[in-house]
Amino acid sequence: MRPTTPAVLVTRRMPSAVLSRLDAVCDIDLHTGPNGLSHEALCARVLGKKGLICVFTDRVDAATIASSPCETGACPPMVRPPPPSCRSTSCC
């Protein structure tokens, strides 16, 4: 059984290699529809998620962020350092 992993909403399809790496550390909720999510749908789907991976055309505002508050009230950014095999700080 996989340990509890953070739930993340991904608003657009991505290359399978990217989704595979993300799936290894997160529970992915991937929007697969042909059109982007409406603002209301985005707010509804992000509810209870620990992360959001979106594109610049998605409307992310205070209402969107308020839809998914952390239990502690202060969410640190979900940024991981690059793995030791990575030679660049910007590749991962």
N, C-alpha and C. Protein backbone atom coordinates (compact mmCIF):
# COMPACT_ATOMS: atom_id res chain seq x y z
N MET A 1 0.84 -1.18 0.00
CA MET A 1 0.00 0.00 0.00
C MET A 1 0.89 1.25 0.00
N ARG A 2 0.51 2.22 -0.79
CA ARG A 2 1.25 3.47 -0.92
C ARG A 2 0.94 4.39 0.26
N PRO A 3 1.96 5.01 0.85
CA PRO A 3 1.68 5.95 1.95
C PRO A 3 0.85 7.12 1.44
N THR A 4 0.22 7.81 2.36
CA THR A 4 -0.61 8.95 1.99
C THR A 4 0.22 9.98 1.23
N THR A 5 -0.29 10.38 0.09
CA THR A 5 0.39 11.38 -0.73
C THR A 5 -0.54 12.56 -0.94
N PRO A 6 0.01 13.74 -1.19
CA PRO A 6 -0.84 14.92 -1.36
C PRO A 6 -1.66 14.84 -2.65
N ALA A 7 -2.89 15.30 -2.58
CA ALA A 7 -3.75 15.36 -3.76
C ALA A 7 -3.45 16.65 -4.52
N VAL A 8 -3.29 16.53 -5.84
CA VAL A 8 -2.93 17.67 -6.68
C VAL A 8 -3.86 17.71 -7.88
N LEU A 9 -4.38 18.88 -8.18
CA LEU A 9 -5.20 19.08 -9.38
C LEU A 9 -4.29 19.55 -10.51
N VAL A 10 -4.37 18.88 -11.65
CA VAL A 10 -3.63 19.25 -12.85
C VAL A 10 -4.68 19.65 -13.88
N THR A 11 -4.64 20.90 -14.35
CA THR A 11 -5.72 21.41 -15.19
C THR A 11 -5.59 21.12 -16.68
N ARG A 12 -4.45 20.62 -17.12
CA ARG A 12 -4.26 20.30 -18.54
C ARG A 12 -3.44 19.03 -18.67
N ARG A 13 -3.61 18.35 -19.78
CA ARG A 13 -2.80 17.16 -20.06
C ARG A 13 -1.33 17.56 -20.16
N MET A 14 -0.48 16.62 -19.78
CA MET A 14 0.97 16.84 -19.83
C MET A 14 1.60 15.60 -20.46
N PRO A 15 2.85 15.71 -20.84
CA PRO A 15 3.53 14.51 -21.35
C PRO A 15 3.49 13.39 -20.31
N SER A 16 3.39 12.16 -20.79
CA SER A 16 3.27 11.02 -19.88
C SER A 16 4.46 10.90 -18.93
N ALA A 17 5.65 11.30 -19.37
CA ALA A 17 6.83 11.24 -18.49
C ALA A 17 6.64 12.18 -17.30
N VAL A 18 6.06 13.33 -17.52
CA VAL A 18 5.82 14.30 -16.44
C VAL A 18 4.77 13.75 -15.49
N LEU A 19 3.68 13.22 -16.04
CA LEU A 19 2.62 12.67 -15.20
C LEU A 19 3.11 11.47 -14.40
N SER A 20 3.98 10.66 -14.97
CA SER A 20 4.53 9.51 -14.26
C SER A 20 5.33 9.95 -13.04
N ARG A 21 6.16 10.97 -13.23
CA ARG A 21 6.97 11.48 -12.09
C ARG A 21 6.07 12.09 -11.03
N LEU A 22 5.05 12.81 -11.46
CA LEU A 22 4.12 13.42 -10.52
C LEU A 22 3.31 12.35 -9.79
N ASP A 23 2.89 11.32 -10.52
CA ASP A 23 2.10 10.26 -9.92
C ASP A 23 2.88 9.49 -8.86
N ALA A 24 4.19 9.49 -8.97
CA ALA A 24 5.03 8.79 -7.99
C ALA A 24 4.99 9.45 -6.62
N VAL A 25 4.66 10.74 -6.58
CA VAL A 25 4.68 11.46 -5.30
C VAL A 25 3.35 12.13 -4.93
N CYS A 26 2.36 12.07 -5.83
CA CYS A 26 1.07 12.73 -5.59
C CYS A 26 -0.09 11.87 -6.08
N ASP A 27 -1.26 12.15 -5.54
CA ASP A 27 -2.49 11.61 -6.09
C ASP A 27 -3.01 12.67 -7.06
N ILE A 28 -3.01 12.34 -8.34
CA ILE A 28 -3.33 13.31 -9.38
C ILE A 28 -4.82 13.31 -9.70
N ASP A 29 -5.40 14.50 -9.77
CA ASP A 29 -6.75 14.72 -10.31
C ASP A 29 -6.52 15.48 -11.61
N LEU A 30 -6.53 14.77 -12.73
CA LEU A 30 -6.21 15.36 -14.03
C LEU A 30 -7.47 15.71 -14.79
N HIS A 31 -7.60 16.97 -15.18
CA HIS A 31 -8.70 17.41 -16.04
C HIS A 31 -8.36 17.00 -17.47
N THR A 32 -9.18 16.15 -18.05
CA THR A 32 -8.89 15.64 -19.39
C THR A 32 -9.83 16.18 -20.46
N GLY A 33 -10.69 17.10 -20.09
CA GLY A 33 -11.64 17.65 -21.06
C GLY A 33 -10.96 18.46 -22.14
N PRO A 34 -11.65 18.65 -23.26
CA PRO A 34 -11.07 19.39 -24.38
C PRO A 34 -10.93 20.89 -24.11
N ASN A 35 -11.71 21.41 -23.20
CA ASN A 35 -11.66 22.84 -22.86
C ASN A 35 -11.16 23.01 -21.44
N GLY A 36 -10.71 24.21 -21.14
CA GLY A 36 -10.26 24.49 -19.79
C GLY A 36 -11.42 24.46 -18.81
N LEU A 37 -11.09 24.38 -17.53
CA LEU A 37 -12.10 24.42 -16.49
C LEU A 37 -12.63 25.83 -16.34
N SER A 38 -13.93 25.94 -16.11
CA SER A 38 -14.47 27.26 -15.77
C SER A 38 -13.94 27.63 -14.40
N HIS A 39 -14.04 28.90 -14.05
CA HIS A 39 -13.57 29.34 -12.73
C HIS A 39 -14.31 28.60 -11.62
N GLU A 40 -15.61 28.41 -11.80
CA GLU A 40 -16.40 27.71 -10.79
C GLU A 40 -15.97 26.25 -10.67
N ALA A 41 -15.73 25.60 -11.80
CA ALA A 41 -15.29 24.20 -11.78
C ALA A 41 -13.90 24.07 -11.17
N LEU A 42 -13.02 25.03 -11.48
CA LEU A 42 -11.67 25.02 -10.91
C LEU A 42 -11.74 25.12 -9.39
N CYS A 43 -12.55 26.05 -8.89
CA CYS A 43 -12.70 26.21 -7.44
C CYS A 43 -13.27 24.95 -6.81
N ALA A 44 -14.21 24.30 -7.47
CA ALA A 44 -14.81 23.09 -6.94
C ALA A 44 -13.82 21.93 -6.94
N ARG A 45 -13.04 21.79 -8.00
CA ARG A 45 -12.10 20.66 -8.11
C ARG A 45 -10.87 20.83 -7.22
N VAL A 46 -10.48 22.06 -6.93
CA VAL A 46 -9.29 22.27 -6.10
C VAL A 46 -9.62 22.09 -4.61
N LEU A 47 -10.89 22.03 -4.27
CA LEU A 47 -11.31 21.86 -2.89
C LEU A 47 -10.68 20.60 -2.30
N GLY A 48 -9.97 20.77 -1.21
CA GLY A 48 -9.33 19.65 -0.53
C GLY A 48 -7.98 19.24 -1.08
N LYS A 49 -7.51 19.89 -2.14
CA LYS A 49 -6.22 19.54 -2.74
C LYS A 49 -5.10 20.26 -2.01
N LYS A 50 -3.92 19.67 -2.06
CA LYS A 50 -2.73 20.28 -1.48
C LYS A 50 -1.92 21.04 -2.52
N GLY A 51 -2.24 20.85 -3.79
CA GLY A 51 -1.49 21.53 -4.83
C GLY A 51 -2.31 21.72 -6.08
N LEU A 52 -1.87 22.65 -6.90
CA LEU A 52 -2.53 22.97 -8.17
C LEU A 52 -1.45 23.20 -9.21
N ILE A 53 -1.53 22.46 -10.30
CA ILE A 53 -0.64 22.68 -11.44
C ILE A 53 -1.53 23.14 -12.57
N CYS A 54 -1.34 24.40 -12.98
CA CYS A 54 -2.22 25.00 -13.96
C CYS A 54 -1.42 25.74 -15.02
N VAL A 55 -2.13 26.27 -16.00
CA VAL A 55 -1.50 27.07 -17.04
C VAL A 55 -1.94 28.53 -16.86
N PHE A 56 -1.24 29.42 -17.54
CA PHE A 56 -1.49 30.85 -17.32
C PHE A 56 -2.89 31.29 -17.73
N THR A 57 -3.60 30.51 -18.53
CA THR A 57 -4.96 30.91 -18.93
C THR A 57 -6.00 30.51 -17.89
N ASP A 58 -5.64 29.69 -16.91
CA ASP A 58 -6.57 29.34 -15.84
C ASP A 58 -6.70 30.53 -14.90
N ARG A 59 -7.92 30.85 -14.53
CA ARG A 59 -8.15 31.99 -13.64
C ARG A 59 -7.96 31.56 -12.18
N VAL A 60 -6.81 31.88 -11.64
CA VAL A 60 -6.51 31.57 -10.25
C VAL A 60 -6.46 32.89 -9.49
N ASP A 61 -7.42 33.05 -8.60
CA ASP A 61 -7.51 34.28 -7.82
C ASP A 61 -7.72 33.94 -6.35
N ALA A 62 -8.03 34.92 -5.57
CA ALA A 62 -8.20 34.70 -4.13
C ALA A 62 -9.30 33.69 -3.85
N ALA A 63 -10.37 33.69 -4.65
CA ALA A 63 -11.46 32.73 -4.44
C ALA A 63 -10.99 31.31 -4.70
N THR A 64 -10.14 31.14 -5.71
CA THR A 64 -9.62 29.81 -6.02
C THR A 64 -8.74 29.32 -4.87
N ILE A 65 -7.86 30.17 -4.41
CA ILE A 65 -6.95 29.80 -3.34
C ILE A 65 -7.73 29.52 -2.05
N ALA A 66 -8.75 30.30 -1.77
CA ALA A 66 -9.56 30.11 -0.57
C ALA A 66 -10.35 28.81 -0.64
N SER A 67 -10.53 28.25 -1.82
CA SER A 67 -11.28 27.00 -1.96
C SER A 67 -10.53 25.81 -1.39
N SER A 68 -9.23 25.95 -1.17
CA SER A 68 -8.45 24.82 -0.69
C SER A 68 -7.49 25.24 0.43
N PRO A 69 -8.02 25.68 1.55
CA PRO A 69 -7.14 26.08 2.64
C PRO A 69 -6.45 24.87 3.27
N CYS A 70 -5.24 25.06 3.71
CA CYS A 70 -4.53 24.00 4.44
C CYS A 70 -5.06 23.92 5.85
N GLU A 71 -4.89 22.74 6.45
CA GLU A 71 -5.35 22.56 7.82
C GLU A 71 -4.68 23.53 8.78
N THR A 72 -3.41 23.85 8.51
CA THR A 72 -2.66 24.72 9.41
C THR A 72 -2.89 26.19 9.12
N GLY A 73 -3.45 26.49 7.96
CA GLY A 73 -3.67 27.87 7.57
C GLY A 73 -2.48 28.50 6.88
N ALA A 74 -1.36 27.80 6.81
CA ALA A 74 -0.17 28.35 6.15
C ALA A 74 0.46 27.24 5.31
N CYS A 75 0.27 27.32 4.02
CA CYS A 75 0.78 26.28 3.12
C CYS A 75 2.14 26.68 2.58
N PRO A 76 3.16 25.91 2.85
CA PRO A 76 4.45 26.18 2.21
C PRO A 76 4.37 25.77 0.75
N PRO A 77 5.13 26.39 -0.13
CA PRO A 77 5.10 25.98 -1.53
C PRO A 77 5.60 24.55 -1.66
N MET A 78 5.01 23.82 -2.60
CA MET A 78 5.40 22.43 -2.83
C MET A 78 6.58 22.40 -3.80
N VAL A 79 7.73 22.71 -3.31
CA VAL A 79 8.94 22.73 -4.13
C VAL A 79 9.92 21.73 -3.53
N ARG A 80 10.42 20.86 -4.38
CA ARG A 80 11.40 19.88 -3.91
C ARG A 80 12.75 20.23 -4.50
N PRO A 81 13.81 19.97 -3.76
CA PRO A 81 15.15 20.19 -4.33
C PRO A 81 15.41 19.17 -5.42
N PRO A 82 16.29 19.47 -6.36
CA PRO A 82 16.59 18.51 -7.41
C PRO A 82 17.25 17.26 -6.83
N PRO A 83 17.04 16.10 -7.47
CA PRO A 83 17.68 14.89 -6.97
C PRO A 83 19.20 14.98 -7.15
N PRO A 84 19.96 14.18 -6.40
CA PRO A 84 21.42 14.23 -6.49
C PRO A 84 21.95 14.00 -7.91
N SER A 85 21.22 13.24 -8.72
CA SER A 85 21.67 12.96 -10.08
C SER A 85 21.52 14.16 -11.01
N CYS A 86 20.79 15.16 -10.59
CA CYS A 86 20.54 16.34 -11.41
C CYS A 86 21.73 17.29 -11.31
N ARG A 87 22.24 17.74 -12.43
CA ARG A 87 23.41 18.62 -12.43
C ARG A 87 23.02 20.09 -12.50
N SER A 88 21.77 20.37 -12.66
CA SER A 88 21.31 21.76 -12.78
C SER A 88 20.24 22.00 -11.74
N THR A 89 20.21 23.19 -11.18
CA THR A 89 19.18 23.52 -10.20
C THR A 89 17.85 23.83 -10.86
N SER A 90 17.80 23.92 -12.18
CA SER A 90 16.55 24.26 -12.84
C SER A 90 15.94 23.10 -13.63
N CYS A 91 16.50 21.90 -13.54
CA CYS A 91 15.99 20.82 -14.36
C CYS A 91 14.86 20.04 -13.71
N CYS A 92 14.65 20.20 -12.45
CA CYS A 92 13.68 19.34 -11.76
C CYS A 92 12.59 20.14 -11.08
